[in-house]
N, C-alpha and C. Protein backbone atom coordinates (compact mmCIF):
# COMPACT_ATOMS: atom_id res chain seq x y z
N MET A 1 133.09 73.04 59.01
CA MET A 1 132.11 73.10 57.80
C MET A 1 130.11 72.43 58.36
N LYS A 2 130.29 71.04 58.86
CA LYS A 2 129.20 70.01 59.31
C LYS A 2 129.32 70.84 60.31
N ALA A 3 130.42 71.63 61.84
CA ALA A 3 129.46 72.31 62.78
C ALA A 3 128.62 73.49 62.00
N PHE A 4 128.94 74.35 61.09
CA PHE A 4 128.19 75.24 60.61
C PHE A 4 127.12 74.97 60.62
N LEU A 5 126.64 74.39 59.03
CA LEU A 5 125.19 73.06 58.95
C LEU A 5 124.69 72.80 60.56
N ILE A 6 125.00 72.41 61.27
CA ILE A 6 123.45 71.80 62.37
C ILE A 6 123.40 73.25 62.61
N PHE A 7 124.63 73.89 62.97
CA PHE A 7 124.12 75.47 63.21
C PHE A 7 122.81 76.27 62.89
N ILE A 8 123.19 76.11 61.41
CA ILE A 8 121.78 76.75 60.96
C ILE A 8 120.86 76.20 60.95
N LEU A 9 120.48 74.63 61.01
CA LEU A 9 120.19 73.67 61.29
C LEU A 9 119.20 74.05 62.87
N LEU A 10 119.90 74.17 63.21
CA LEU A 10 119.59 73.79 64.97
C LEU A 10 118.62 75.74 64.80
N THR A 11 118.84 76.13 64.64
CA THR A 11 118.72 78.25 64.29
C THR A 11 117.50 77.94 63.82
N THR A 12 117.49 77.93 62.46
CA THR A 12 115.94 77.15 61.60
C THR A 12 115.03 76.16 62.76
N ILE A 13 115.17 75.46 63.33
CA ILE A 13 114.22 74.23 64.04
C ILE A 13 113.72 75.59 65.14
N LEU A 14 114.52 75.98 65.76
CA LEU A 14 113.80 77.34 66.84
C LEU A 14 113.56 78.35 66.47
N GLU A 15 113.73 78.47 65.29
CA GLU A 15 113.29 79.89 65.04
C GLU A 15 111.50 79.27 64.41
N CYS A 16 111.52 78.81 63.57
CA CYS A 16 109.86 77.92 63.23
C CYS A 16 109.42 77.47 63.92
N GLY A 17 109.93 77.28 65.54
CA GLY A 17 109.43 76.59 66.98
C GLY A 17 108.47 77.88 67.79
N CYS A 18 109.66 79.58 67.25
CA CYS A 18 109.37 79.67 68.10
C CYS A 18 108.17 80.84 67.70
N THR A 19 107.79 80.61 66.35
CA THR A 19 106.69 80.90 65.31
C THR A 19 105.58 80.82 66.61
N ASN A 20 105.46 79.90 66.40
CA ASN A 20 104.06 78.74 67.03
C ASN A 20 103.91 78.64 68.29
N SER A 21 104.91 79.11 69.16
CA SER A 21 104.35 79.31 70.29
C SER A 21 104.83 80.92 70.92
N THR A 22 103.87 81.23 72.13
CA THR A 22 103.86 82.61 72.56
C THR A 22 104.28 82.37 73.52
N ASP A 23 104.93 81.16 74.18
CA ASP A 23 105.48 81.19 75.83
C ASP A 23 106.80 81.58 75.24
N ILE A 24 107.77 81.06 74.56
CA ILE A 24 109.13 80.88 74.66
C ILE A 24 109.50 82.70 73.80
N CYS A 25 108.15 83.18 72.26
CA CYS A 25 108.37 84.63 71.58
C CYS A 25 107.94 85.51 72.51
N PRO A 26 107.93 86.57 73.22
CA PRO A 26 106.61 86.95 74.17
C PRO A 26 106.17 88.56 72.90
N ASN A 27 106.37 88.57 72.08
CA ASN A 27 105.82 89.75 71.42
C ASN A 27 104.76 88.93 70.04
N VAL A 28 104.46 87.62 70.41
CA VAL A 28 103.71 86.74 69.21
C VAL A 28 102.35 87.31 70.19
N LYS A 29 101.39 87.53 69.82
CA LYS A 29 100.16 88.08 70.56
C LYS A 29 99.47 86.31 70.88
N THR A 30 99.34 85.63 69.52
CA THR A 30 98.43 84.47 69.75
C THR A 30 99.29 83.68 68.34
N SER A 31 99.41 82.17 69.13
CA SER A 31 100.39 81.10 67.97
C SER A 31 99.60 81.43 66.56
N LEU A 32 100.23 81.08 65.44
CA LEU A 32 99.67 80.83 64.17
C LEU A 32 98.82 79.63 63.95
N GLY A 33 99.08 78.69 65.18
CA GLY A 33 98.63 77.15 65.23
C GLY A 33 96.81 77.59 65.10
N SER A 34 96.56 78.74 66.00
CA SER A 34 95.09 78.84 66.40
C SER A 34 94.39 79.67 65.45
N ILE A 35 95.03 80.23 64.90
CA ILE A 35 94.19 81.30 63.82
C ILE A 35 93.67 80.43 62.57
N ARG A 36 92.61 80.86 62.58
CA ARG A 36 91.31 79.70 61.63
C ARG A 36 90.58 80.29 61.24
N LYS A 37 90.93 80.92 59.70
CA LYS A 37 89.93 82.05 59.33
C LYS A 37 88.49 81.06 59.26
N ARG A 38 87.03 81.84 58.80
CA ARG A 38 85.55 81.36 58.92
C ARG A 38 86.01 80.48 57.59
N ARG A 39 84.67 79.39 57.00
CA ARG A 39 85.08 77.96 56.51
C ARG A 39 83.42 77.93 56.25
N HIS A 40 82.94 78.01 55.12
CA HIS A 40 81.61 77.65 54.92
C HIS A 40 81.65 76.82 53.73
N LEU A 41 80.84 75.51 54.48
CA LEU A 41 80.24 74.37 54.04
C LEU A 41 79.43 74.67 52.29
N THR A 42 79.95 74.59 51.21
CA THR A 42 79.48 74.30 49.67
C THR A 42 79.38 73.15 49.21
N PHE A 43 78.50 73.11 48.24
CA PHE A 43 78.56 71.89 47.38
C PHE A 43 78.27 72.48 46.19
N PRO A 44 78.35 70.91 44.95
CA PRO A 44 78.46 71.36 43.57
C PRO A 44 77.00 72.02 43.74
N ASP A 45 77.04 72.65 41.60
CA ASP A 45 75.68 73.49 41.92
C ASP A 45 75.17 72.17 41.85
N GLY A 46 73.51 71.71 42.25
CA GLY A 46 72.54 71.70 41.59
C GLY A 46 72.36 69.69 42.74
N SER A 47 73.56 70.11 43.87
CA SER A 47 72.98 68.97 44.61
C SER A 47 72.13 69.44 45.61
N THR A 48 71.18 68.16 46.27
CA THR A 48 69.95 67.61 46.66
C THR A 48 70.44 66.45 47.74
N VAL A 49 69.21 66.95 48.44
CA VAL A 49 69.03 66.05 49.69
C VAL A 49 67.45 65.10 49.57
N VAL A 50 67.75 64.25 49.59
CA VAL A 50 65.87 64.05 49.88
C VAL A 50 65.68 63.31 50.79
N LEU A 51 64.67 63.47 51.83
CA LEU A 51 64.29 63.01 52.61
C LEU A 51 62.87 62.10 52.64
N THR A 52 63.10 60.64 52.39
CA THR A 52 62.10 60.05 51.73
C THR A 52 61.40 59.02 53.03
N ILE A 53 60.45 58.88 53.12
CA ILE A 53 59.27 58.54 53.91
C ILE A 53 58.47 57.03 53.43
N SER A 54 58.46 55.41 53.66
CA SER A 54 58.34 54.81 52.68
C SER A 54 57.50 54.20 54.25
N LEU A 55 56.46 53.63 52.97
CA LEU A 55 55.38 52.59 54.11
C LEU A 55 54.62 51.62 53.11
N VAL A 56 55.23 50.29 53.89
CA VAL A 56 55.03 49.34 53.11
C VAL A 56 54.00 47.91 53.91
N LYS A 57 52.62 47.95 52.93
CA LYS A 57 52.52 46.96 54.22
C LYS A 57 51.82 46.04 53.30
N ALA A 58 51.83 44.87 53.67
CA ALA A 58 51.90 43.12 52.71
C ALA A 58 50.53 43.17 52.73
N PHE A 59 50.15 42.32 51.92
CA PHE A 59 48.60 42.06 51.49
C PHE A 59 48.47 40.05 51.30
N LEU A 60 48.30 39.33 51.88
CA LEU A 60 48.34 38.15 51.54
C LEU A 60 47.13 37.61 50.61
N THR A 61 47.22 37.50 49.88
CA THR A 61 45.87 37.06 48.79
C THR A 61 45.56 35.43 48.89
N HIS A 62 47.05 35.01 48.43
CA HIS A 62 46.79 33.08 48.89
C HIS A 62 48.54 32.67 49.06
N ALA A 63 48.58 31.92 49.99
CA ALA A 63 50.32 31.65 50.09
C ALA A 63 50.52 31.15 49.33
N PRO A 64 51.79 31.14 48.96
CA PRO A 64 52.61 32.42 49.85
C PRO A 64 53.10 33.42 49.01
N ALA A 65 51.96 33.61 47.86
CA ALA A 65 51.77 35.04 46.67
C ALA A 65 51.00 35.94 47.07
N GLY A 66 51.28 37.43 47.23
CA GLY A 66 50.83 38.65 47.78
C GLY A 66 50.62 39.32 46.73
N TRP A 67 49.93 40.99 47.70
CA TRP A 67 50.13 41.79 47.06
C TRP A 67 50.75 42.53 48.41
N ASN A 68 51.42 44.04 47.55
CA ASN A 68 52.58 44.72 48.88
C ASN A 68 51.83 46.37 48.02
N LEU A 69 51.54 47.04 49.32
CA LEU A 69 51.29 48.28 48.94
C LEU A 69 52.00 49.02 49.55
N ALA A 70 52.33 49.66 48.64
CA ALA A 70 54.01 51.18 48.93
C ALA A 70 53.51 53.19 48.63
N ILE A 71 53.39 52.63 50.07
CA ILE A 71 53.36 55.01 49.79
C ILE A 71 54.53 55.17 50.10
N GLU A 72 54.86 56.45 49.62
CA GLU A 72 56.58 57.27 49.56
C GLU A 72 55.79 58.67 49.87
N ILE A 73 57.24 59.31 50.81
CA ILE A 73 56.86 60.94 50.31
C ILE A 73 58.21 60.93 50.37
N ASP A 74 58.57 61.74 49.10
CA ASP A 74 59.56 62.31 49.17
C ASP A 74 59.87 64.10 49.16
N VAL A 75 60.54 64.07 50.24
CA VAL A 75 61.08 66.13 50.36
C VAL A 75 61.98 66.28 49.52
N ILE A 76 62.17 67.27 48.45
CA ILE A 76 63.67 67.07 48.10
C ILE A 76 64.16 69.37 48.01
N TYR A 77 65.41 68.95 48.98
CA TYR A 77 65.98 70.04 49.78
C TYR A 77 67.33 70.68 49.13
N PRO A 78 67.26 71.79 48.66
CA PRO A 78 68.55 71.71 47.58
C PRO A 78 69.68 71.99 48.57
N LEU A 79 70.69 71.97 48.39
CA LEU A 79 72.21 72.11 48.99
C LEU A 79 72.85 73.79 48.41
N PRO A 80 73.35 74.20 49.63
CA PRO A 80 74.16 75.52 49.24
C PRO A 80 75.21 75.81 48.11
N ASP A 81 74.86 76.10 47.08
CA ASP A 81 75.90 76.23 46.16
C ASP A 81 76.77 77.39 46.69
N ALA A 82 77.95 76.98 45.99
CA ALA A 82 79.16 78.54 45.93
C ALA A 82 78.36 80.43 46.05
N LYS A 83 76.92 80.27 44.97
CA LYS A 83 76.56 81.39 44.53
C LYS A 83 75.85 81.70 45.81
N PHE A 84 75.05 80.91 46.36
CA PHE A 84 74.62 81.05 47.50
C PHE A 84 75.29 81.91 49.06
N THR A 85 76.29 80.62 49.01
CA THR A 85 76.81 80.92 50.41
C THR A 85 78.08 82.44 50.32
N ASN A 86 77.86 82.61 48.91
CA ASN A 86 78.47 83.76 49.19
C ASN A 86 78.12 85.24 48.78
N ALA A 87 76.20 84.97 48.51
CA ALA A 87 75.35 86.19 48.55
C ALA A 87 74.78 86.38 49.97
N HIS A 88 74.78 85.15 51.10
CA HIS A 88 74.44 85.59 52.11
C HIS A 88 75.59 84.42 53.21
N PHE A 89 76.75 85.52 53.35
CA PHE A 89 77.86 85.51 53.22
C PHE A 89 77.71 85.15 55.08
N ARG A 90 77.58 86.34 56.04
CA ARG A 90 77.17 86.53 56.89
C ARG A 90 76.08 86.93 57.69
N ARG A 91 74.73 86.61 56.96
CA ARG A 91 73.24 86.05 57.42
C ARG A 91 73.12 85.12 58.42
N LYS A 92 72.48 84.38 59.38
CA LYS A 92 71.97 83.21 59.66
C LYS A 92 71.65 82.73 58.92
N LEU A 93 71.93 81.59 58.04
CA LEU A 93 71.10 80.58 57.23
C LEU A 93 70.44 79.71 56.99
N HIS A 94 70.64 79.07 58.40
CA HIS A 94 70.25 77.96 59.24
C HIS A 94 68.72 78.69 59.45
N HIS A 95 68.48 79.77 60.01
CA HIS A 95 66.71 80.48 60.75
C HIS A 95 66.08 79.75 58.95
N ARG A 96 66.60 80.26 57.99
CA ARG A 96 65.79 80.57 56.40
C ARG A 96 65.70 78.86 56.32
N GLN A 97 66.94 77.90 56.34
CA GLN A 97 66.53 76.90 56.23
C GLN A 97 65.43 75.87 56.11
N LYS A 98 65.80 76.79 57.93
CA LYS A 98 64.93 75.39 58.78
C LYS A 98 63.80 75.69 58.20
N ARG A 99 63.36 76.92 57.80
CA ARG A 99 61.84 77.41 57.43
C ARG A 99 61.35 77.01 56.06
N GLU A 100 62.22 76.88 55.40
CA GLU A 100 61.85 75.84 54.22
C GLU A 100 61.97 74.55 54.38
N PHE A 101 62.54 74.01 54.81
CA PHE A 101 62.28 72.55 54.94
C PHE A 101 60.84 72.50 55.59
N TRP A 102 60.51 72.75 56.67
CA TRP A 102 59.57 73.01 57.76
C TRP A 102 57.69 72.52 56.41
N GLU A 103 58.26 74.30 55.45
CA GLU A 103 57.24 74.44 54.26
C GLU A 103 57.36 73.40 53.35
N ARG A 104 58.48 72.55 53.01
CA ARG A 104 59.05 71.57 52.08
C ARG A 104 57.62 70.45 53.09
N LEU A 105 58.10 70.03 54.01
CA LEU A 105 56.95 69.20 54.99
C LEU A 105 56.02 69.34 54.99
N GLN A 106 55.69 70.74 55.02
CA GLN A 106 53.98 70.57 55.39
C GLN A 106 53.43 70.38 53.80
N ASN A 107 54.12 70.21 52.94
CA ASN A 107 53.84 70.46 51.03
C ASN A 107 53.36 69.76 50.49
N ALA A 108 54.20 68.34 51.57
CA ALA A 108 54.06 66.92 51.51
C ALA A 108 53.23 66.60 52.14
N ILE A 109 53.21 66.56 53.25
CA ILE A 109 51.89 66.10 53.89
C ILE A 109 50.27 67.03 53.09
N ASP A 110 50.86 67.67 53.12
CA ASP A 110 49.32 68.66 52.56
C ASP A 110 48.94 67.39 51.34
N SER A 111 50.26 67.39 50.24
CA SER A 111 49.54 66.48 49.00
C SER A 111 49.15 64.90 49.53
N HIS A 112 48.89 64.59 50.31
CA HIS A 112 48.02 63.77 50.58
C HIS A 112 47.13 63.75 52.02
N SER A 113 46.28 64.46 51.73
CA SER A 113 45.14 64.88 52.00
C SER A 113 45.40 65.37 53.35
N LEU A 114 46.05 65.70 54.62
CA LEU A 114 46.16 65.97 55.92
C LEU A 114 46.34 67.38 56.44
N ASN A 115 46.55 67.82 57.15
CA ASN A 115 46.73 68.72 57.69
C ASN A 115 48.34 69.33 57.83
N GLY A 116 49.04 69.58 56.83
CA GLY A 116 50.91 69.95 57.04
C GLY A 116 50.87 71.03 57.77
N ARG A 117 50.10 71.50 58.25
CA ARG A 117 50.36 72.73 58.69
C ARG A 117 50.85 72.63 60.45
N ALA A 118 49.40 72.04 60.11
CA ALA A 118 49.57 71.26 61.83
C ALA A 118 50.16 70.09 62.31
N CYS A 119 50.66 69.18 61.76
CA CYS A 119 51.82 68.05 61.74
C CYS A 119 52.52 68.74 62.11
N VAL A 120 53.46 70.19 61.38
CA VAL A 120 54.94 70.80 61.36
C VAL A 120 54.65 70.96 62.90
N ILE A 121 53.82 72.14 63.23
CA ILE A 121 53.46 73.02 64.54
C ILE A 121 53.62 71.34 65.57
N ARG A 122 53.13 69.76 65.10
CA ARG A 122 53.14 69.05 66.66
C ARG A 122 54.45 68.74 66.26
N ILE A 123 55.00 68.93 65.19
CA ILE A 123 56.49 67.65 65.63
C ILE A 123 56.90 69.25 66.40
N ILE A 124 56.87 70.21 66.12
CA ILE A 124 58.00 71.35 66.66
C ILE A 124 57.63 71.21 68.03
N CYS A 125 56.41 71.22 69.02
CA CYS A 125 55.78 71.06 69.90
C CYS A 125 56.61 69.71 70.44
N GLU A 126 56.35 68.64 69.73
CA GLU A 126 56.79 67.26 70.43
C GLU A 126 58.27 67.26 70.60
N ALA A 127 59.29 68.11 69.69
CA ALA A 127 60.31 68.13 69.99
C ALA A 127 61.02 68.69 71.03
N LYS A 128 60.54 69.64 71.63
CA LYS A 128 60.45 70.07 73.10
C LYS A 128 60.62 69.33 74.31
N SER A 129 59.59 67.98 74.49
CA SER A 129 60.06 67.24 75.40
C SER A 129 60.30 65.91 74.82
N HIS A 130 59.74 65.22 74.04
CA HIS A 130 60.08 63.42 73.36
C HIS A 130 61.53 63.61 72.98
N LEU A 131 62.46 64.48 73.20
CA LEU A 131 63.69 63.96 73.18
C LEU A 131 64.89 64.00 73.80
N ALA A 132 65.92 62.91 73.85
CA ALA A 132 66.42 62.75 74.66
C ALA A 132 67.70 64.30 74.92
N PRO A 133 68.23 64.29 75.84
CA PRO A 133 69.43 65.47 75.73
C PRO A 133 70.01 65.08 75.01
N PRO A 134 70.62 66.47 74.65
CA PRO A 134 71.85 66.51 74.30
C PRO A 134 72.90 65.37 73.80
N GLY A 135 72.93 64.73 72.94
CA GLY A 135 74.83 63.96 73.04
C GLY A 135 74.27 62.51 73.49
N LYS A 136 73.10 62.06 73.78
CA LYS A 136 72.57 60.94 74.23
C LYS A 136 72.53 60.11 72.87
N SER A 137 71.68 60.64 71.68
CA SER A 137 71.76 59.92 70.48
C SER A 137 71.15 60.32 69.56
N LEU A 138 72.53 60.40 68.26
CA LEU A 138 72.73 61.24 67.11
C LEU A 138 71.18 61.31 66.35
N VAL A 139 70.32 60.60 66.85
CA VAL A 139 69.30 60.59 65.69
C VAL A 139 68.33 61.68 66.47
N HIS A 140 68.19 61.70 67.46
CA HIS A 140 67.45 62.90 68.45
C HIS A 140 68.14 64.31 68.38
N ASP A 141 69.76 64.01 68.41
CA ASP A 141 70.37 64.96 67.87
C ASP A 141 70.07 65.82 66.51
N LEU A 142 69.56 65.10 65.44
CA LEU A 142 69.25 65.44 64.11
C LEU A 142 68.18 65.79 64.26
N LEU A 143 67.20 65.05 65.39
CA LEU A 143 65.54 65.60 65.27
C LEU A 143 65.51 67.59 65.86
N ARG A 144 66.73 67.54 66.83
CA ARG A 144 66.33 68.92 67.45
C ARG A 144 66.72 69.65 66.75
N ALA A 145 68.21 69.63 66.00
CA ALA A 145 68.55 70.67 65.28
C ALA A 145 67.55 71.41 63.63
N ILE A 146 66.71 70.20 63.86
CA ILE A 146 66.22 70.86 62.13
C ILE A 146 64.81 70.91 62.99
N PHE A 147 63.91 70.37 64.04
CA PHE A 147 62.70 70.97 64.51
C PHE A 147 62.47 71.55 65.58
N THR A 148 63.46 72.45 66.04
CA THR A 148 63.54 73.57 67.36
C THR A 148 63.59 74.83 66.41
N ALA A 149 62.35 75.77 67.27
CA ALA A 149 61.99 76.77 67.14
C ALA A 149 62.68 77.50 67.74
N PRO A 150 64.02 78.37 67.75
CA PRO A 150 64.27 79.26 69.26
C PRO A 150 63.92 80.91 69.02
N ILE A 151 62.59 81.12 69.05
CA ILE A 151 61.77 81.97 69.11
C ILE A 151 62.57 83.55 70.11
N HIS A 152 63.57 82.97 70.78
CA HIS A 152 64.46 83.78 71.27
C HIS A 152 65.34 85.08 70.43
N GLU A 153 65.67 84.74 68.83
CA GLU A 153 66.39 85.16 68.59
C GLU A 153 65.59 85.57 67.57
N GLU A 154 66.19 86.80 67.62
CA GLU A 154 66.20 88.19 66.49
C GLU A 154 65.42 87.83 64.84
N GLU A 155 66.83 86.72 64.59
CA GLU A 155 66.80 86.66 63.00
C GLU A 155 65.41 85.57 62.71
N PHE A 156 65.58 84.98 63.89
CA PHE A 156 64.51 83.30 63.94
C PHE A 156 63.03 84.46 63.63
N PHE A 157 62.48 85.13 64.63
CA PHE A 157 61.25 85.95 64.70
C PHE A 157 60.96 86.16 63.95
N ASP A 158 62.17 86.75 62.74
CA ASP A 158 62.07 87.60 61.75
C ASP A 158 61.34 86.86 60.13
N GLU A 159 62.68 85.58 60.67
CA GLU A 159 61.98 84.40 59.18
C GLU A 159 60.88 83.90 59.19
N VAL A 160 60.24 83.44 60.63
CA VAL A 160 58.62 82.86 60.42
C VAL A 160 57.70 83.92 60.81
N ARG A 161 57.86 84.64 60.73
CA ARG A 161 56.94 86.25 60.80
C ARG A 161 55.32 85.61 60.25
N ASP A 162 56.22 85.76 58.93
CA ASP A 162 54.92 85.24 57.69
C ASP A 162 54.25 84.07 57.31
N SER A 163 55.08 83.11 57.91
CA SER A 163 54.94 81.83 57.67
C SER A 163 54.66 81.00 58.53
N TYR A 164 55.09 80.88 59.78
CA TYR A 164 54.61 80.10 60.83
C TYR A 164 54.02 81.41 62.06
N ARG A 165 53.85 81.74 62.35
CA ARG A 165 52.83 83.22 63.12
C ARG A 165 52.53 82.09 64.33
N GLU A 166 52.04 81.49 64.26
CA GLU A 166 51.93 80.46 65.82
C GLU A 166 52.52 79.99 66.53
N LEU A 167 53.86 80.06 65.91
CA LEU A 167 55.23 79.72 67.07
C LEU A 167 55.79 80.78 67.60
N LEU A 168 55.37 82.02 67.54
CA LEU A 168 55.56 83.14 68.22
C LEU A 168 54.34 83.74 69.40
N GLU A 169 53.66 83.07 69.42
CA GLU A 169 53.10 82.73 70.64
C GLU A 169 53.04 81.89 71.95
N PRO A 170 53.07 82.53 72.91
CA PRO A 170 54.19 81.51 74.15
C PRO A 170 53.58 80.54 74.12
N ASN A 171 52.13 80.24 74.15
CA ASN A 171 51.43 79.10 74.52
C ASN A 171 51.47 78.02 73.32
N PHE A 172 51.79 78.17 72.25
CA PHE A 172 50.95 77.65 71.28
C PHE A 172 51.19 75.71 71.30
N CYS A 173 52.05 75.69 71.81
CA CYS A 173 51.47 73.52 71.93
C CYS A 173 50.82 72.78 73.23
N ASN A 174 49.87 74.67 73.87
CA ASN A 174 48.98 74.24 74.87
C ASN A 174 47.43 74.07 73.73
N GLN A 175 47.64 74.85 72.33
CA GLN A 175 46.69 74.77 71.83
C GLN A 175 46.17 73.28 71.20
N ILE A 176 44.63 73.54 70.28
CA ILE A 176 43.89 72.19 69.97
C ILE A 176 45.05 72.07 68.54
N ASN A 177 45.51 70.99 68.35
CA ASN A 177 46.06 70.20 67.14
C ASN A 177 45.47 69.21 66.20
N ASP A 178 45.41 69.85 64.80
CA ASP A 178 44.64 68.75 64.10
C ASP A 178 45.01 67.52 63.28
N CYS A 179 46.42 67.02 63.69
CA CYS A 179 47.49 66.45 62.73
C CYS A 179 46.89 65.03 63.94
N PRO A 180 46.34 64.06 63.10
CA PRO A 180 46.04 63.11 63.53
C PRO A 180 46.78 62.02 64.47
N PHE A 181 47.87 62.16 63.96
CA PHE A 181 49.24 61.11 64.64
C PHE A 181 50.44 61.88 64.88
N SER A 182 51.11 61.07 65.22
CA SER A 182 52.65 62.04 66.17
C SER A 182 53.84 61.42 64.44
N ILE A 183 53.86 62.39 64.00
CA ILE A 183 55.26 61.50 63.27
C ILE A 183 56.47 61.62 63.26
N LEU A 184 56.91 62.27 64.72
CA LEU A 184 58.12 62.07 65.33
C LEU A 184 57.83 60.93 66.00
N ASP A 185 56.83 61.02 67.08
CA ASP A 185 56.80 59.58 67.25
C ASP A 185 56.79 57.74 66.45
N PHE A 186 56.42 57.73 65.49
CA PHE A 186 56.65 57.38 64.00
C PHE A 186 58.67 56.94 64.11
N ILE A 187 58.41 58.37 63.73
CA ILE A 187 60.39 58.42 63.51
C ILE A 187 60.93 57.81 64.76
N LEU A 188 60.57 57.97 66.07
CA LEU A 188 61.77 57.50 67.29
C LEU A 188 61.38 55.95 67.50
N SER A 189 60.08 55.33 66.46
CA SER A 189 59.90 53.97 66.94
C SER A 189 60.45 52.91 66.18
N MET A 190 60.54 53.65 64.82
CA MET A 190 61.39 53.45 63.47
C MET A 190 62.97 53.05 64.01
N ASN A 191 63.39 53.93 65.05
CA ASN A 191 65.06 54.10 65.66
C ASN A 191 65.10 53.35 66.38
N LYS A 192 64.34 52.55 67.20
CA LYS A 192 64.12 51.38 68.23
C LYS A 192 63.90 49.41 67.13
N GLN A 193 63.69 49.54 65.91
CA GLN A 193 63.67 48.58 65.94
C GLN A 193 64.53 47.61 65.63
N LYS A 194 64.57 46.96 65.88
CA LYS A 194 65.68 45.83 65.57
C LYS A 194 65.43 44.72 64.47
N TYR A 195 66.52 44.70 63.33
CA TYR A 195 66.09 43.76 62.42
C TYR A 195 67.01 42.65 62.79
């Protein structure tokens, strides 16, 4: 009886091992371990990401007291929920999300009496040359993912045709820009500070 149970156990183990290996079982084309269905990341309804840029300047009126001036810009970006993911299952969402993020950043800069469109275009142009090669810095990789313009892709071309037509011109970075300062240099200089 013990020998029979050991035989059944060994047969079961070999059968399970055979289903996941293509070398032992030639009739299996791909191993079951390598098959993976496409998955999408979804968040609970109402989830958002907030990008906050803060600038604080201290003014000493008399020692040790003083005044602090704080300026903040909040850009609220909604995250995709299950309805959004199901509605756009096969489309390239990152082009639309990138354009929407640029527009929100443009509106936030516009609210401070600056040319937000010119500043966004300046960031896109500077991202081509000022960022480290991929894999060297997480901050640089994140900025590259947000501020690159893949104009050679047809889906991106269709997405930005109405809102950022300047990006479709071949030498858009060589044109004069109306943004008074470099937001990308500001972000990268914060990355170098030691606390």
